[in-house]
Amino acid sequence: MSIRTLDKVVKNCNIYRMMTEDEKRRCELRANMFKALAHPLRIYMLEKLKERPWCVCELAAELGVDKSIASKYLTILKDAGLVGMQKRGILVEYTLTAPCVLNLAACAESDVLSNRKKALLG
């Protein structure tokens, strides 16, 4: 079953209809942020952007990917509100606007690894 099909099912379920418009917007915003994080390279881009602002060319070279891929991924992150951009003449630099998302990921990673270790030790 595709994600789009699941989205349609969820929107027709009772709990979704019971949510207020504010709750729906909040949950949709959060879902969009998590969708934007759903690729290892995009997460790594955020880690690089935490260090300093980057232009697409520099970031693509640093990551070893084509400029078009870096640009597409930065657009996804920007649309989710995680990345911002500033023009400096003809140069466009991208910055991390929500560094707390990396803290969230690190916290969750720590808990997941700890729980896996506990489960293995039984």
PDB file of N, CA and C in Angstrom:
ATOM      1  N   MET A   1       0.849  -1.174   0.000  1.00  0.00           N
ATOM      2  CA  MET A   1       0.000   0.000   0.000  1.00  0.00           C
ATOM      3  C   MET A   1       0.896   1.238   0.000  1.00  0.00           C
ATOM      4  N   SER A   2       0.607   2.195  -0.865  1.00  0.00           N
ATOM      5  CA  SER A   2       1.437   3.387  -0.987  1.00  0.00           C
ATOM      6  C   SER A   2       1.144   4.372   0.149  1.00  0.00           C
ATOM      7  N   ILE A   3       2.070   5.293   0.335  1.00  0.00           N
ATOM      8  CA  ILE A   3       1.896   6.321   1.365  1.00  0.00           C
ATOM      9  C   ILE A   3       0.698   7.198   1.024  1.00  0.00           C
ATOM     10  N   ARG A   4       0.512   7.515  -0.252  1.00  0.00           N
ATOM     11  CA  ARG A   4      -0.635   8.342  -0.643  1.00  0.00           C
ATOM     12  C   ARG A   4      -1.954   7.647  -0.313  1.00  0.00           C
ATOM     13  N   THR A   5      -2.008   6.332  -0.531  1.00  0.00           N
ATOM     14  CA  THR A   5      -3.216   5.584  -0.196  1.00  0.00           C
ATOM     15  C   THR A   5      -3.449   5.607   1.301  1.00  0.00           C
ATOM     16  N   LEU A   6      -2.374   5.429   2.057  1.00  0.00           N
ATOM     17  CA  LEU A   6      -2.502   5.482   3.514  1.00  0.00           C
ATOM     18  C   LEU A   6      -2.953   6.859   3.985  1.00  0.00           C
ATOM     19  N   ASP A   7      -2.430   7.917   3.354  1.00  0.00           N
ATOM     20  CA  ASP A   7      -2.850   9.273   3.709  1.00  0.00           C
ATOM     21  C   ASP A   7      -4.347   9.458   3.505  1.00  0.00           C
ATOM     22  N   LYS A   8      -4.881   8.913   2.406  1.00  0.00           N
ATOM     23  CA  LYS A   8      -6.318   9.015   2.143  1.00  0.00           C
ATOM     24  C   LYS A   8      -7.118   8.260   3.193  1.00  0.00           C
ATOM     25  N   VAL A   9      -6.633   7.093   3.584  1.00  0.00           N
ATOM     26  CA  VAL A   9      -7.319   6.296   4.608  1.00  0.00           C
ATOM     27  C   VAL A   9      -7.345   7.048   5.923  1.00  0.00           C
ATOM     28  N   VAL A  10      -6.205   7.626   6.306  1.00  0.00           N
ATOM     29  CA  VAL A  10      -6.109   8.350   7.574  1.00  0.00           C
ATOM     30  C   VAL A  10      -7.049   9.548   7.582  1.00  0.00           C
ATOM     31  N   LYS A  11      -7.121  10.278   6.483  1.00  0.00           N
ATOM     32  CA  LYS A  11      -7.987  11.461   6.433  1.00  0.00           C
ATOM     33  C   LYS A  11      -9.463  11.101   6.537  1.00  0.00           C
ATOM     34  N   ASN A  12      -9.799   9.858   6.256  1.00  0.00           N
ATOM     35  CA  ASN A  12     -11.188   9.420   6.369  1.00  0.00           C
ATOM     36  C   ASN A  12     -11.486   8.725   7.701  1.00  0.00           C
ATOM     37  N   CYS A  13     -10.500   8.553   8.542  1.00  0.00           N
ATOM     38  CA  CYS A  13     -10.742   7.873   9.813  1.00  0.00           C
ATOM     39  C   CYS A  13     -11.368   8.845  10.820  1.00  0.00           C
ATOM     40  N   ASN A  14     -11.999   8.312  11.838  1.00  0.00           N
ATOM     41  CA  ASN A  14     -12.738   9.129  12.804  1.00  0.00           C
ATOM     42  C   ASN A  14     -11.851  10.105  13.568  1.00  0.00           C
ATOM     43  N   ILE A  15     -10.675   9.689  13.986  1.00  0.00           N
ATOM     44  CA  ILE A  15      -9.828  10.565  14.806  1.00  0.00           C
ATOM     45  C   ILE A  15      -9.410  11.798  14.017  1.00  0.00           C
ATOM     46  N   TYR A  16      -9.136  11.634  12.726  1.00  0.00           N
ATOM     47  CA  TYR A  16      -8.745  12.776  11.907  1.00  0.00           C
ATOM     48  C   TYR A  16      -9.906  13.761  11.788  1.00  0.00           C
ATOM     49  N   ARG A  17     -11.111  13.254  11.667  1.00  0.00           N
ATOM     50  CA  ARG A  17     -12.277  14.135  11.575  1.00  0.00           C
ATOM     51  C   ARG A  17     -12.567  14.819  12.901  1.00  0.00           C
ATOM     52  N   MET A  18     -12.123  14.236  14.007  1.00  0.00           N
ATOM     53  CA  MET A  18     -12.366  14.809  15.328  1.00  0.00           C
ATOM     54  C   MET A  18     -11.347  15.889  15.690  1.00  0.00           C
ATOM     55  N   MET A  19     -10.243  15.939  14.964  1.00  0.00           N
ATOM     56  CA  MET A  19      -9.199  16.910  15.264  1.00  0.00           C
ATOM     57  C   MET A  19      -9.667  18.317  14.886  1.00  0.00           C
ATOM     58  N   THR A  20      -9.206  19.304  15.648  1.00  0.00           N
ATOM     59  CA  THR A  20      -9.487  20.688  15.281  1.00  0.00           C
ATOM     60  C   THR A  20      -8.607  21.054  14.088  1.00  0.00           C
ATOM     61  N   GLU A  21      -8.922  22.157  13.438  1.00  0.00           N
ATOM     62  CA  GLU A  21      -8.115  22.610  12.297  1.00  0.00           C
ATOM     63  C   GLU A  21      -6.678  22.922  12.740  1.00  0.00           C
ATOM     64  N   ASP A  22      -6.529  23.503  13.928  1.00  0.00           N
ATOM     65  CA  ASP A  22      -5.187  23.793  14.449  1.00  0.00           C
ATOM     66  C   ASP A  22      -4.398  22.506  14.684  1.00  0.00           C
ATOM     67  N   GLU A  23      -5.044  21.492  15.232  1.00  0.00           N
ATOM     68  CA  GLU A  23      -4.379  20.207  15.461  1.00  0.00           C
ATOM     69  C   GLU A  23      -3.985  19.557  14.137  1.00  0.00           C
ATOM     70  N   LYS A  24      -4.869  19.638  13.154  1.00  0.00           N
ATOM     71  CA  LYS A  24      -4.559  19.076  11.833  1.00  0.00           C
ATOM     72  C   LYS A  24      -3.356  19.776  11.221  1.00  0.00           C
ATOM     73  N   ARG A  25      -3.349  21.120  11.276  1.00  0.00           N
ATOM     74  CA  ARG A  25      -2.223  21.881  10.707  1.00  0.00           C
ATOM     75  C   ARG A  25      -0.922  21.544  11.417  1.00  0.00           C
ATOM     76  N   ARG A  26      -0.978  21.453  12.755  1.00  0.00           N
ATOM     77  CA  ARG A  26       0.222  21.148  13.529  1.00  0.00           C
ATOM     78  C   ARG A  26       0.761  19.767  13.166  1.00  0.00           C
ATOM     79  N   CYS A  27      -0.115  18.786  13.110  1.00  0.00           N
ATOM     80  CA  CYS A  27       0.312  17.423  12.785  1.00  0.00           C
ATOM     81  C   CYS A  27       0.803  17.311  11.356  1.00  0.00           C
ATOM     82  N   GLU A  28       0.165  18.012  10.432  1.00  0.00           N
ATOM     83  CA  GLU A  28       0.607  17.994   9.039  1.00  0.00           C
ATOM     84  C   GLU A  28       1.969  18.660   8.890  1.00  0.00           C
ATOM     85  N   LEU A  29       2.195  19.764   9.603  1.00  0.00           N
ATOM     86  CA  LEU A  29       3.499  20.429   9.577  1.00  0.00           C
ATOM     87  C   LEU A  29       4.582  19.487  10.091  1.00  0.00           C
ATOM     88  N   ARG A  30       4.307  18.828  11.194  1.00  0.00           N
ATOM     89  CA  ARG A  30       5.284  17.889  11.753  1.00  0.00           C
ATOM     90  C   ARG A  30       5.523  16.718  10.814  1.00  0.00           C
ATOM     91  N   ALA A  31       4.463  16.206  10.200  1.00  0.00           N
ATOM     92  CA  ALA A  31       4.619  15.094   9.254  1.00  0.00           C
ATOM     93  C   ALA A  31       5.479  15.528   8.070  1.00  0.00           C
ATOM     94  N   ASN A  32       5.277  16.743   7.580  1.00  0.00           N
ATOM     95  CA  ASN A  32       6.088  17.238   6.467  1.00  0.00           C
ATOM     96  C   ASN A  32       7.553  17.381   6.861  1.00  0.00           C
ATOM     97  N   MET A  33       7.807  17.807   8.092  1.00  0.00           N
ATOM     98  CA  MET A  33       9.198  17.902   8.553  1.00  0.00           C
ATOM     99  C   MET A  33       9.840  16.514   8.592  1.00  0.00           C
ATOM    100  N   PHE A  34       9.110  15.535   9.120  1.00  0.00           N
ATOM    101  CA  PHE A  34       9.667  14.184   9.188  1.00  0.00           C
ATOM    102  C   PHE A  34       9.841  13.577   7.799  1.00  0.00           C
ATOM    103  N   LYS A  35       8.936  13.877   6.867  1.00  0.00           N
ATOM    104  CA  LYS A  35       9.105  13.400   5.492  1.00  0.00           C
ATOM    105  C   LYS A  35      10.381  13.977   4.893  1.00  0.00           C
ATOM    106  N   ALA A  36      10.648  15.250   5.163  1.00  0.00           N
ATOM    107  CA  ALA A  36      11.857  15.884   4.641  1.00  0.00           C
ATOM    108  C   ALA A  36      13.119  15.247   5.216  1.00  0.00           C
ATOM    109  N   LEU A  37      13.012  14.700   6.412  1.00  0.00           N
ATOM    110  CA  LEU A  37      14.163  14.058   7.063  1.00  0.00           C
ATOM    111  C   LEU A  37      14.340  12.602   6.639  1.00  0.00           C
ATOM    112  N   ALA A  38      13.458  12.101   5.805  1.00  0.00           N
ATOM    113  CA  ALA A  38      13.408  10.671   5.500  1.00  0.00           C
ATOM    114  C   ALA A  38      14.432  10.213   4.463  1.00  0.00           C
ATOM    115  N   HIS A  39      15.583  10.852   4.432  1.00  0.00           N
ATOM    116  CA  HIS A  39      16.671  10.395   3.561  1.00  0.00           C
ATOM    117  C   HIS A  39      17.991  10.711   4.257  1.00  0.00           C
ATOM    118  N   PRO A  40      18.889   9.735   4.337  1.00  0.00           N
ATOM    119  CA  PRO A  40      20.160   9.953   5.043  1.00  0.00           C
ATOM    120  C   PRO A  40      20.963  11.144   4.511  1.00  0.00           C
ATOM    121  N   LEU A  41      20.939  11.374   3.214  1.00  0.00           N
ATOM    122  CA  LEU A  41      21.709  12.481   2.655  1.00  0.00           C
ATOM    123  C   LEU A  41      21.138  13.831   3.090  1.00  0.00           C
ATOM    124  N   ARG A  42      19.817  13.919   3.210  1.00  0.00           N
ATOM    125  CA  ARG A  42      19.230  15.181   3.663  1.00  0.00           C
ATOM    126  C   ARG A  42      19.581  15.449   5.127  1.00  0.00           C
ATOM    127  N   ILE A  43      19.628  14.409   5.923  1.00  0.00           N
ATOM    128  CA  ILE A  43      20.043  14.585   7.325  1.00  0.00           C
ATOM    129  C   ILE A  43      21.499  15.030   7.384  1.00  0.00           C
ATOM    130  N   TYR A  44      22.336  14.409   6.550  1.00  0.00           N
ATOM    131  CA  TYR A  44      23.749  14.796   6.519  1.00  0.00           C
ATOM    132  C   TYR A  44      23.904  16.242   6.056  1.00  0.00           C
ATOM    133  N   MET A  45      23.057  16.665   5.115  1.00  0.00           N
ATOM    134  CA  MET A  45      23.094  18.061   4.672  1.00  0.00           C
ATOM    135  C   MET A  45      22.805  18.997   5.848  1.00  0.00           C
ATOM    136  N   LEU A  46      21.826  18.635   6.666  1.00  0.00           N
ATOM    137  CA  LEU A  46      21.514  19.458   7.840  1.00  0.00           C
ATOM    138  C   LEU A  46      22.702  19.522   8.790  1.00  0.00           C
ATOM    139  N   GLU A  47      23.389  18.392   8.956  1.00  0.00           N
ATOM    140  CA  GLU A  47      24.577  18.384   9.821  1.00  0.00           C
ATOM    141  C   GLU A  47      25.659  19.309   9.270  1.00  0.00           C
ATOM    142  N   LYS A  48      25.849  19.314   7.957  1.00  0.00           N
ATOM    143  CA  LYS A  48      26.829  20.214   7.343  1.00  0.00           C
ATOM    144  C   LYS A  48      26.391  21.667   7.502  1.00  0.00           C
ATOM    145  N   LEU A  49      25.077  21.924   7.326  1.00  0.00           N
ATOM    146  CA  LEU A  49      24.568  23.284   7.451  1.00  0.00           C
ATOM    147  C   LEU A  49      24.636  23.791   8.893  1.00  0.00           C
ATOM    148  N   LYS A  50      24.728  22.882   9.837  1.00  0.00           N
ATOM    149  CA  LYS A  50      24.879  23.309  11.233  1.00  0.00           C
ATOM    150  C   LYS A  50      26.249  23.963  11.443  1.00  0.00           C
ATOM    151  N   GLU A  51      27.233  23.514  10.664  1.00  0.00           N
ATOM    152  CA  GLU A  51      28.592  24.042  10.779  1.00  0.00           C
ATOM    153  C   GLU A  51      28.689  25.483  10.287  1.00  0.00           C
ATOM    154  N   ARG A  52      28.025  25.750   9.128  1.00  0.00           N
ATOM    155  CA  ARG A  52      28.121  27.078   8.509  1.00  0.00           C
ATOM    156  C   ARG A  52      27.170  27.135   7.318  1.00  0.00           C
ATOM    157  N   PRO A  53      26.929  28.338   6.775  1.00  0.00           N
ATOM    158  CA  PRO A  53      26.136  28.438   5.542  1.00  0.00           C
ATOM    159  C   PRO A  53      26.920  27.833   4.367  1.00  0.00           C
ATOM    160  N   TRP A  54      26.179  27.243   3.436  1.00  0.00           N
ATOM    161  CA  TRP A  54      26.776  26.637   2.254  1.00  0.00           C
ATOM    162  C   TRP A  54      25.996  27.059   1.018  1.00  0.00           C
ATOM    163  N   CYS A  55      26.696  27.226  -0.106  1.00  0.00           N
ATOM    164  CA  CYS A  55      25.998  27.379  -1.381  1.00  0.00           C
ATOM    165  C   CYS A  55      25.821  25.979  -1.970  1.00  0.00           C
ATOM    166  N   VAL A  56      24.940  25.847  -2.937  1.00  0.00           N
ATOM    167  CA  VAL A  56      24.631  24.541  -3.520  1.00  0.00           C
ATOM    168  C   VAL A  56      25.889  23.889  -4.096  1.00  0.00           C
ATOM    169  N   CYS A  57      26.687  24.668  -4.814  1.00  0.00           N
ATOM    170  CA  CYS A  57      27.892  24.116  -5.462  1.00  0.00           C
ATOM    171  C   CYS A  57      28.849  23.511  -4.434  1.00  0.00           C
ATOM    172  N   GLU A  58      29.114  24.258  -3.369  1.00  0.00           N
ATOM    173  CA  GLU A  58      30.021  23.774  -2.324  1.00  0.00           C
ATOM    174  C   GLU A  58      29.473  22.523  -1.647  1.00  0.00           C
ATOM    175  N   LEU A  59      28.209  22.564  -1.312  1.00  0.00           N
ATOM    176  CA  LEU A  59      27.598  21.443  -0.603  1.00  0.00           C
ATOM    177  C   LEU A  59      27.573  20.194  -1.481  1.00  0.00           C
ATOM    178  N   ALA A  60      27.248  20.360  -2.751  1.00  0.00           N
ATOM    179  CA  ALA A  60      27.248  19.229  -3.679  1.00  0.00           C
ATOM    180  C   ALA A  60      28.636  18.613  -3.770  1.00  0.00           C
ATOM    181  N   ALA A  61      29.652  19.459  -3.883  1.00  0.00           N
ATOM    182  CA  ALA A  61      31.032  18.963  -3.963  1.00  0.00           C
ATOM    183  C   ALA A  61      31.436  18.254  -2.668  1.00  0.00           C
ATOM    184  N   GLU A  62      31.065  18.823  -1.536  1.00  0.00           N
ATOM    185  CA  GLU A  62      31.385  18.233  -0.235  1.00  0.00           C
ATOM    186  C   GLU A  62      30.752  16.861  -0.069  1.00  0.00           C
ATOM    187  N   LEU A  63      29.512  16.718  -0.562  1.00  0.00           N
ATOM    188  CA  LEU A  63      28.778  15.465  -0.418  1.00  0.00           C
ATOM    189  C   LEU A  63      29.051  14.479  -1.545  1.00  0.00           C
ATOM    190  N   GLY A  64      29.698  14.960  -2.604  1.00  0.00           N
ATOM    191  CA  GLY A  64      29.997  14.088  -3.727  1.00  0.00           C
ATOM    192  C   GLY A  64      28.775  13.727  -4.554  1.00  0.00           C
ATOM    193  N   VAL A  65      27.850  14.678  -4.671  1.00  0.00           N
ATOM    194  CA  VAL A  65      26.640  14.455  -5.469  1.00  0.00           C
ATOM    195  C   VAL A  65      26.523  15.549  -6.523  1.00  0.00           C
ATOM    196  N   ASP A  66      25.673  15.316  -7.505  1.00  0.00           N
ATOM    197  CA  ASP A  66      25.421  16.291  -8.544  1.00  0.00           C
ATOM    198  C   ASP A  66      24.737  17.517  -7.941  1.00  0.00           C
ATOM    199  N   LYS A  67      25.029  18.669  -8.508  1.00  0.00           N
ATOM    200  CA  LYS A  67      24.435  19.925  -8.024  1.00  0.00           C
ATOM    201  C   LYS A  67      22.912  19.878  -8.066  1.00  0.00           C
ATOM    202  N   SER A  68      22.335  19.223  -9.064  1.00  0.00           N
ATOM    203  CA  SER A  68      20.875  19.163  -9.181  1.00  0.00           C
ATOM    204  C   SER A  68      20.257  18.380  -8.025  1.00  0.00           C
ATOM    205  N   ILE A  69      20.939  17.331  -7.570  1.00  0.00           N
ATOM    206  CA  ILE A  69      20.443  16.550  -6.428  1.00  0.00           C
ATOM    207  C   ILE A  69      20.511  17.390  -5.156  1.00  0.00           C
ATOM    208  N   ALA A  70      21.649  18.052  -4.954  1.00  0.00           N
ATOM    209  CA  ALA A  70      21.786  18.904  -3.770  1.00  0.00           C
ATOM    210  C   ALA A  70      20.722  19.992  -3.771  1.00  0.00           C
ATOM    211  N   SER A  71      20.486  20.588  -4.927  1.00  0.00           N
ATOM    212  CA  SER A  71      19.483  21.638  -5.036  1.00  0.00           C
ATOM    213  C   SER A  71      18.085  21.110  -4.740  1.00  0.00           C
ATOM    214  N   LYS A  72      17.754  19.951  -5.277  1.00  0.00           N
ATOM    215  CA  LYS A  72      16.436  19.352  -5.029  1.00  0.00           C
ATOM    216  C   LYS A  72      16.243  19.069  -3.541  1.00  0.00           C
ATOM    217  N   TYR A  73      17.250  18.476  -2.908  1.00  0.00           N
ATOM    218  CA  TYR A  73      17.147  18.149  -1.488  1.00  0.00           C
ATOM    219  C   TYR A  73      17.064  19.405  -0.627  1.00  0.00           C
ATOM    220  N   LEU A  74      17.814  20.439  -0.989  1.00  0.00           N
ATOM    221  CA  LEU A  74      17.730  21.693  -0.238  1.00  0.00           C
ATOM    222  C   LEU A  74      16.336  22.313  -0.373  1.00  0.00           C
ATOM    223  N   THR A  75      15.726  22.187  -1.534  1.00  0.00           N
ATOM    224  CA  THR A  75      14.370  22.692  -1.733  1.00  0.00           C
ATOM    225  C   THR A  75      13.377  21.945  -0.842  1.00  0.00           C
ATOM    226  N   ILE A  76      13.530  20.631  -0.749  1.00  0.00           N
ATOM    227  CA  ILE A  76      12.666  19.827   0.127  1.00  0.00           C
ATOM    228  C   ILE A  76      12.811  20.280   1.575  1.00  0.00           C
ATOM    229  N   LEU A  77      14.049  20.468   2.010  1.00  0.00           N
ATOM    230  CA  LEU A  77      14.311  20.902   3.381  1.00  0.00           C
ATOM    231  C   LEU A  77      13.799  22.324   3.618  1.00  0.00           C
ATOM    232  N   LYS A  78      13.946  23.182   2.613  1.00  0.00           N
ATOM    233  CA  LYS A  78      13.455  24.562   2.726  1.00  0.00           C
ATOM    234  C   LYS A  78      11.929  24.581   2.801  1.00  0.00           C
ATOM    235  N   ASP A  79      11.270  23.794   1.953  1.00  0.00           N
ATOM    236  CA  ASP A  79       9.803  23.739   1.968  1.00  0.00           C
ATOM    237  C   ASP A  79       9.264  23.225   3.300  1.00  0.00           C
ATOM    238  N   ALA A  80      10.044  22.388   3.981  1.00  0.00           N
ATOM    239  CA  ALA A  80       9.643  21.872   5.296  1.00  0.00           C
ATOM    240  C   ALA A  80       9.953  22.860   6.414  1.00  0.00           C
ATOM    241  N   GLY A  81      10.642  23.952   6.079  1.00  0.00           N
ATOM    242  CA  GLY A  81      10.958  24.972   7.074  1.00  0.00           C
ATOM    243  C   GLY A  81      12.220  24.715   7.863  1.00  0.00           C
ATOM    244  N   LEU A  82      13.008  23.732   7.455  1.00  0.00           N
ATOM    245  CA  LEU A  82      14.216  23.364   8.194  1.00  0.00           C
ATOM    246  C   LEU A  82      15.451  24.133   7.731  1.00  0.00           C
ATOM    247  N   VAL A  83      15.378  24.681   6.527  1.00  0.00           N
ATOM    248  CA  VAL A  83      16.505  25.380   5.910  1.00  0.00           C
ATOM    249  C   VAL A  83      16.015  26.712   5.368  1.00  0.00           C
ATOM    250  N   GLY A  84      16.869  27.716   5.483  1.00  0.00           N
ATOM    251  CA  GLY A  84      16.577  29.019   4.896  1.00  0.00           C
ATOM    252  C   GLY A  84      17.649  29.370   3.890  1.00  0.00           C
ATOM    253  N   MET A  85      17.396  30.403   3.112  1.00  0.00           N
ATOM    254  CA  MET A  85      18.389  30.820   2.134  1.00  0.00           C
ATOM    255  C   MET A  85      18.533  32.331   2.148  1.00  0.00           C
ATOM    256  N   GLN A  86      19.766  32.765   1.845  1.00  0.00           N
ATOM    257  CA  GLN A  86      20.062  34.193   1.782  1.00  0.00           C
ATOM    258  C   GLN A  86      20.840  34.445   0.508  1.00  0.00           C
ATOM    259  N   LYS A  87      20.437  35.493  -0.199  1.00  0.00           N
ATOM    260  CA  LYS A  87      21.143  35.870  -1.421  1.00  0.00           C
ATOM    261  C   LYS A  87      22.223  36.874  -1.070  1.00  0.00           C
ATOM    262  N   ARG A  88      23.400  36.641  -1.623  1.00  0.00           N
ATOM    263  CA  ARG A  88      24.531  37.567  -1.493  1.00  0.00           C
ATOM    264  C   ARG A  88      25.027  37.834  -2.906  1.00  0.00           C
ATOM    265  N   GLY A  89      24.461  38.864  -3.517  1.00  0.00           N
ATOM    266  CA  GLY A  89      24.750  39.119  -4.933  1.00  0.00           C
ATOM    267  C   GLY A  89      24.128  38.018  -5.758  1.00  0.00           C
ATOM    268  N   ILE A  90      24.949  37.312  -6.545  1.00  0.00           N
ATOM    269  CA  ILE A  90      24.433  36.194  -7.341  1.00  0.00           C
ATOM    270  C   ILE A  90      24.551  34.867  -6.597  1.00  0.00           C
ATOM    271  N   LEU A  91      25.205  34.888  -5.450  1.00  0.00           N
ATOM    272  CA  LEU A  91      25.402  33.686  -4.645  1.00  0.00           C
ATOM    273  C   LEU A  91      24.221  33.489  -3.690  1.00  0.00           C
ATOM    274  N   VAL A  92      23.726  32.257  -3.604  1.00  0.00           N
ATOM    275  CA  VAL A  92      22.664  31.913  -2.663  1.00  0.00           C
ATOM    276  C   VAL A  92      23.248  30.954  -1.641  1.00  0.00           C
ATOM    277  N   GLU A  93      23.164  31.332  -0.365  1.00  0.00           N
ATOM    278  CA  GLU A  93      23.669  30.471   0.707  1.00  0.00           C
ATOM    279  C   GLU A  93      22.498  29.913   1.502  1.00  0.00           C
ATOM    280  N   TYR A  94      22.643  28.655   1.873  1.00  0.00           N
ATOM    281  CA  TYR A  94      21.616  27.967   2.661  1.00  0.00           C
ATOM    282  C   TYR A  94      22.093  27.849   4.099  1.00  0.00           C
ATOM    283  N   THR A  95      21.143  28.004   5.018  1.00  0.00           N
ATOM    284  CA  THR A  95      21.451  27.920   6.440  1.00  0.00           C
ATOM    285  C   THR A  95      20.440  27.012   7.130  1.00  0.00           C
ATOM    286  N   LEU A  96      20.855  26.445   8.229  1.00  0.00           N
ATOM    287  CA  LEU A  96      19.967  25.615   9.045  1.00  0.00           C
ATOM    288  C   LEU A  96      19.125  26.542   9.914  1.00  0.00           C
ATOM    289  N   THR A  97      17.815  26.454   9.795  1.00  0.00           N
ATOM    290  CA  THR A  97      16.931  27.341  10.558  1.00  0.00           C
ATOM    291  C   THR A  97      16.349  26.664  11.798  1.00  0.00           C
ATOM    292  N   ALA A  98      16.460  25.345  11.863  1.00  0.00           N
ATOM    293  CA  ALA A  98      15.899  24.599  12.999  1.00  0.00           C
ATOM    294  C   ALA A  98      16.927  23.593  13.511  1.00  0.00           C
ATOM    295  N   PRO A  99      18.005  24.081  14.150  1.00  0.00           N
ATOM    296  CA  PRO A  99      19.041  23.152  14.617  1.00  0.00           C
ATOM    297  C   PRO A  99      18.530  22.151  15.650  1.00  0.00           C
ATOM    298  N   CYS A 100      17.420  22.461  16.294  1.00  0.00           N
ATOM    299  CA  CYS A 100      16.872  21.549  17.295  1.00  0.00           C
ATOM    300  C   CYS A 100      16.464  20.210  16.686  1.00  0.00           C
ATOM    301  N   VAL A 101      16.205  20.168  15.378  1.00  0.00           N
ATOM    302  CA  VAL A 101      15.824  18.913  14.729  1.00  0.00           C
ATOM    303  C   VAL A 101      16.973  17.898  14.806  1.00  0.00           C
ATOM    304  N   LEU A 102      18.203  18.385  14.781  1.00  0.00           N
ATOM    305  CA  LEU A 102      19.347  17.474  14.920  1.00  0.00           C
ATOM    306  C   LEU A 102      19.474  16.971  16.354  1.00  0.00           C
ATOM    307  N   ASN A 103      19.105  17.813  17.322  1.00  0.00           N
ATOM    308  CA  ASN A 103      19.092  17.378  18.720  1.00  0.00           C
ATOM    309  C   ASN A 103      18.036  16.302  18.927  1.00  0.00           C
ATOM    310  N   LEU A 104      16.872  16.490  18.315  1.00  0.00           N
ATOM    311  CA  LEU A 104      15.800  15.495  18.383  1.00  0.00           C
ATOM    312  C   LEU A 104      16.279  14.163  17.807  1.00  0.00           C
ATOM    313  N   ALA A 105      16.927  14.225  16.643  1.00  0.00           N
ATOM    314  CA  ALA A 105      17.419  13.005  16.001  1.00  0.00           C
ATOM    315  C   ALA A 105      18.459  12.305  16.872  1.00  0.00           C
ATOM    316  N   ALA A 106      19.362  13.067  17.462  1.00  0.00           N
ATOM    317  CA  ALA A 106      20.391  12.478  18.325  1.00  0.00           C
ATOM    318  C   ALA A 106      19.771  11.841  19.562  1.00  0.00           C
ATOM    319  N   CYS A 107      18.787  12.498  20.153  1.00  0.00           N
ATOM    320  CA  CYS A 107      18.100  11.963  21.326  1.00  0.00           C
ATOM    321  C   CYS A 107      17.390  10.657  20.983  1.00  0.00           C
ATOM    322  N   ALA A 108      16.640  10.668  19.883  1.00  0.00           N
ATOM    323  CA  ALA A 108      15.915   9.464  19.472  1.00  0.00           C
ATOM    324  C   ALA A 108      16.882   8.337  19.134  1.00  0.00           C
ATOM    325  N   GLU A 109      17.963   8.668  18.444  1.00  0.00           N
ATOM    326  CA  GLU A 109      18.972   7.661  18.096  1.00  0.00           C
ATOM    327  C   GLU A 109      19.544   7.013  19.350  1.00  0.00           C
ATOM    328  N   SER A 110      19.860   7.810  20.336  1.00  0.00           N
ATOM    329  CA  SER A 110      20.401   7.297  21.596  1.00  0.00           C
ATOM    330  C   SER A 110      19.417   6.348  22.277  1.00  0.00           C
ATOM    331  N   ASP A 111      18.152   6.760  22.334  1.00  0.00           N
ATOM    332  CA  ASP A 111      17.129   5.915  22.963  1.00  0.00           C
ATOM    333  C   ASP A 111      16.918   4.616  22.192  1.00  0.00           C
ATOM    334  N   VAL A 112      16.870   4.700  20.872  1.00  0.00           N
ATOM    335  CA  VAL A 112      16.660   3.507  20.044  1.00  0.00           C
ATOM    336  C   VAL A 112      17.803   2.521  20.237  1.00  0.00           C
ATOM    337  N   LEU A 113      19.031   3.016  20.181  1.00  0.00           N
ATOM    338  CA  LEU A 113      20.189   2.134  20.353  1.00  0.00           C
ATOM    339  C   LEU A 113      20.229   1.520  21.740  1.00  0.00           C
ATOM    340  N   SER A 114      19.887   2.313  22.745  1.00  0.00           N
ATOM    341  CA  SER A 114      19.846   1.809  24.116  1.00  0.00           C
ATOM    342  C   SER A 114      18.785   0.722  24.271  1.00  0.00           C
ATOM    343  N   ASN A 115      17.617   0.953  23.703  1.00  0.00           N
ATOM    344  CA  ASN A 115      16.538  -0.045  23.796  1.00  0.00           C
ATOM    345  C   ASN A 115      16.882  -1.319  23.035  1.00  0.00           C
ATOM    346  N   ARG A 116      17.543  -1.169  21.905  1.00  0.00           N
ATOM    347  CA  ARG A 116      17.972  -2.365  21.149  1.00  0.00           C
ATOM    348  C   ARG A 116      18.980  -3.175  21.947  1.00  0.00           C
ATOM    349  N   LYS A 117      19.889  -2.486  22.597  1.00  0.00           N
ATOM    350  CA  LYS A 117      20.908  -3.156  23.403  1.00  0.00           C
ATOM    351  C   LYS A 117      20.261  -3.900  24.568  1.00  0.00           C
ATOM    352  N   LYS A 118      19.300  -3.251  25.222  1.00  0.00           N
ATOM    353  CA  LYS A 118      18.576  -3.905  26.338  1.00  0.00           C
ATOM    354  C   LYS A 118      17.829  -5.132  25.855  1.00  0.00           C
ATOM    355  N   ALA A 119      17.211  -5.035  24.680  1.00  0.00           N
ATOM    356  CA  ALA A 119      16.451  -6.157  24.132  1.00  0.00           C
ATOM    357  C   ALA A 119      17.360  -7.342  23.816  1.00  0.00           C
ATOM    358  N   LEU A 120      18.554  -7.051  23.312  1.00  0.00           N
ATOM    359  CA  LEU A 120      19.509  -8.117  22.991  1.00  0.00           C
ATOM    360  C   LEU A 120      20.024  -8.812  24.253  1.00  0.00           C
ATOM    361  N   LEU A 121      20.182  -8.014  25.323  1.00  0.00           N
ATOM    362  CA  LEU A 121      20.692  -8.581  26.575  1.00  0.00           C
ATOM    363  C   LEU A 121      19.600  -9.298  27.346  1.00  0.00           C
ATOM    364  N   GLY A 122      18.354  -9.005  26.982  1.00  0.00           N
ATOM    365  CA  GLY A 122      17.193  -9.699  27.515  1.00  0.00           C
ATOM    366  C   GLY A 122      17.004  -9.554  28.934  1.00  0.00           C
TER     367      GLY A 122
END
